[in-house]
C-alpha atoms as a PDB file:
ATOM      1  CA  MET A   1       0.000   0.000   0.000  1.00  0.00           C
ATOM      2  CA  PRO A   2       1.496   3.391  -0.974  1.00  0.00           C
ATOM      3  CA  VAL A   3       2.215   5.904   1.746  1.00  0.00           C
ATOM      4  CA  HIS A   4       0.987   9.459   1.148  1.00  0.00           C
ATOM      5  CA  PHE A   5       2.530  12.477   2.827  1.00  0.00           C
ATOM      6  CA  ALA A   6       1.021  15.936   3.247  1.00  0.00           C
ATOM      7  CA  ALA A   7       4.378  17.412   2.191  1.00  0.00           C
ATOM      8  CA  SER A   8       7.844  16.356   1.169  1.00  0.00           C
ATOM      9  CA  ALA A   9      11.159  18.012   0.404  1.00  0.00           C
ATOM     10  CA  VAL A  10      14.659  17.273  -0.818  1.00  0.00           C
ATOM     11  CA  VAL A  11      17.737  18.861   0.751  1.00  0.00           C
ATOM     12  CA  TYR A  12      21.210  18.561  -0.782  1.00  0.00           C
ATOM     13  CA  ALA A  13      23.996  18.266   1.776  1.00  0.00           C
ATOM     14  CA  LYS A  14      27.772  18.077   1.887  1.00  0.00           C
ATOM     15  CA  ASP A  15      27.562  15.827   4.962  1.00  0.00           C
ATOM     16  CA  VAL A  16      24.438  13.656   4.657  1.00  0.00           C
ATOM     17  CA  SER A  17      24.807  12.011   8.064  1.00  0.00           C
ATOM     18  CA  ALA A  18      25.216  15.320   9.932  1.00  0.00           C
ATOM     19  CA  VAL A  19      22.290  16.990   8.151  1.00  0.00           C
ATOM     20  CA  SER A  20      20.099  13.906   8.612  1.00  0.00           C
ATOM     21  CA  ALA A  21      20.914  13.751  12.316  1.00  0.00           C
ATOM     22  CA  PHE A  22      20.115  17.466  12.666  1.00  0.00           C
ATOM     23  CA  TYR A  23      16.672  17.188  11.041  1.00  0.00           C
ATOM     24  CA  SER A  24      15.925  13.991  12.904  1.00  0.00           C
ATOM     25  CA  ARG A  25      16.577  15.712  16.251  1.00  0.00           C
ATOM     26  CA  VAL A  26      15.075  19.114  15.462  1.00  0.00           C
ATOM     27  CA  ALA A  27      11.976  17.996  13.541  1.00  0.00           C
ATOM     28  CA  GLY A  28      11.449  14.625  15.214  1.00  0.00           C
ATOM     29  CA  LEU A  29      11.791  12.741  11.922  1.00  0.00           C
ATOM     30  CA  SER A  30      12.717   9.067  11.921  1.00  0.00           C
ATOM     31  CA  VAL A  31      15.060   7.386   9.489  1.00  0.00           C
ATOM     32  CA  ALA A  32      12.931   5.397   7.036  1.00  0.00           C
ATOM     33  CA  HIS A  33      15.648   4.377   4.587  1.00  0.00           C
ATOM     34  CA  THR A  34      19.392   4.821   4.127  1.00  0.00           C
ATOM     35  CA  GLU A  35      21.542   4.189   1.076  1.00  0.00           C
ATOM     36  CA  GLN A  36      24.969   5.449   0.140  1.00  0.00           C
ATOM     37  CA  GLY A  37      24.390   9.021  -0.935  1.00  0.00           C
ATOM     38  CA  TYR A  38      20.997   9.665   0.622  1.00  0.00           C
ATOM     39  CA  VAL A  39      18.795   9.262   3.688  1.00  0.00           C
ATOM     40  CA  VAL A  40      14.996   9.324   3.818  1.00  0.00           C
ATOM     41  CA  LEU A  41      13.532  10.830   6.996  1.00  0.00           C
ATOM     42  CA  GLN A  42       9.832  10.919   7.763  1.00  0.00           C
ATOM     43  CA  SER A  43       7.004  11.528  10.153  1.00  0.00           C
ATOM     44  CA  PRO A  44       3.371  10.542   9.598  1.00  0.00           C
ATOM     45  CA  ASN A  45       2.745  13.625   7.408  1.00  0.00           C
ATOM     46  CA  PHE A  46       6.136  14.688   6.075  1.00  0.00           C
ATOM     47  CA  GLN A  47       9.038  13.118   4.217  1.00  0.00           C
ATOM     48  CA  LEU A  48      12.504  14.654   3.847  1.00  0.00           C
ATOM     49  CA  VAL A  49      15.166  13.191   1.565  1.00  0.00           C
ATOM     50  CA  VAL A  50      18.734  14.313   2.280  1.00  0.00           C
ATOM     51  CA  VAL A  51      20.894  13.776  -0.816  1.00  0.00           C
ATOM     52  CA  ALA A  52      24.687  14.032  -1.033  1.00  0.00           C
ATOM     53  CA  ILE A  53      26.056  16.863  -3.136  1.00  0.00           C
ATOM     54  CA  PRO A  54      28.288  15.360  -5.848  1.00  0.00           C
ATOM     55  CA  SER A  55      31.911  15.325  -4.663  1.00  0.00           C
ATOM     56  CA  HIS A  56      33.180  17.544  -7.493  1.00  0.00           C
ATOM     57  CA  ILE A  57      30.775  20.256  -6.307  1.00  0.00           C
ATOM     58  CA  ALA A  58      31.023  19.557  -2.568  1.00  0.00           C
ATOM     59  CA  GLY A  59      34.788  20.092  -2.710  1.00  0.00           C
ATOM     60  CA  SER A  60      34.258  23.738  -3.597  1.00  0.00           C
ATOM     61  CA  ILE A  61      31.876  24.390  -0.674  1.00  0.00           C
ATOM     62  CA  HIS A  62      33.367  25.673   2.571  1.00  0.00           C
ATOM     63  CA  ILE A  63      31.295  25.372   5.737  1.00  0.00           C
ATOM     64  CA  ALA A  64      32.630  27.508   8.571  1.00  0.00           C
ATOM     65  CA  LYS A  65      32.818  26.113  12.101  1.00  0.00           C
ATOM     66  CA  PRO A  66      30.699  27.276  13.732  1.00  0.00           C
ATOM     67  CA  PRO A  67      28.441  27.699  10.685  1.00  0.00           C
ATOM     68  CA  GLN A  68      27.873  31.265   9.547  1.00  0.00           C
ATOM     69  CA  PRO A  69      24.596  32.602   8.126  1.00  0.00           C
ATOM     70  CA  ARG A  70      24.705  32.912   4.338  1.00  0.00           C
ATOM     71  CA  GLU A  71      22.666  35.261   2.174  1.00  0.00           C
ATOM     72  CA  ASP A  72      23.330  33.546  -1.159  1.00  0.00           C
ATOM     73  CA  THR A  73      21.150  30.461  -0.624  1.00  0.00           C
ATOM     74  CA  ALA A  74      18.017  29.267  -2.367  1.00  0.00           C
ATOM     75  CA  ILE A  75      16.130  28.859   0.909  1.00  0.00           C
ATOM     76  CA  LYS A  76      15.702  31.747   3.304  1.00  0.00           C
END
């Protein structure tokens, strides 16, 4: 039987495990499926897929520690 969600989203990440752990803790999402390169998180009404940024692109991305707010992102 197919599962239907009220909403879903895809997030690209340099570090899939760190981003998945963050959303799992903050949004209370559980891990539904894991493969190399992506993790599917979900709750009864929402599904989030965290996908690895390809390595040739990820290598050019610098993430400050601690992270700094960025203005040049697609999501605000």
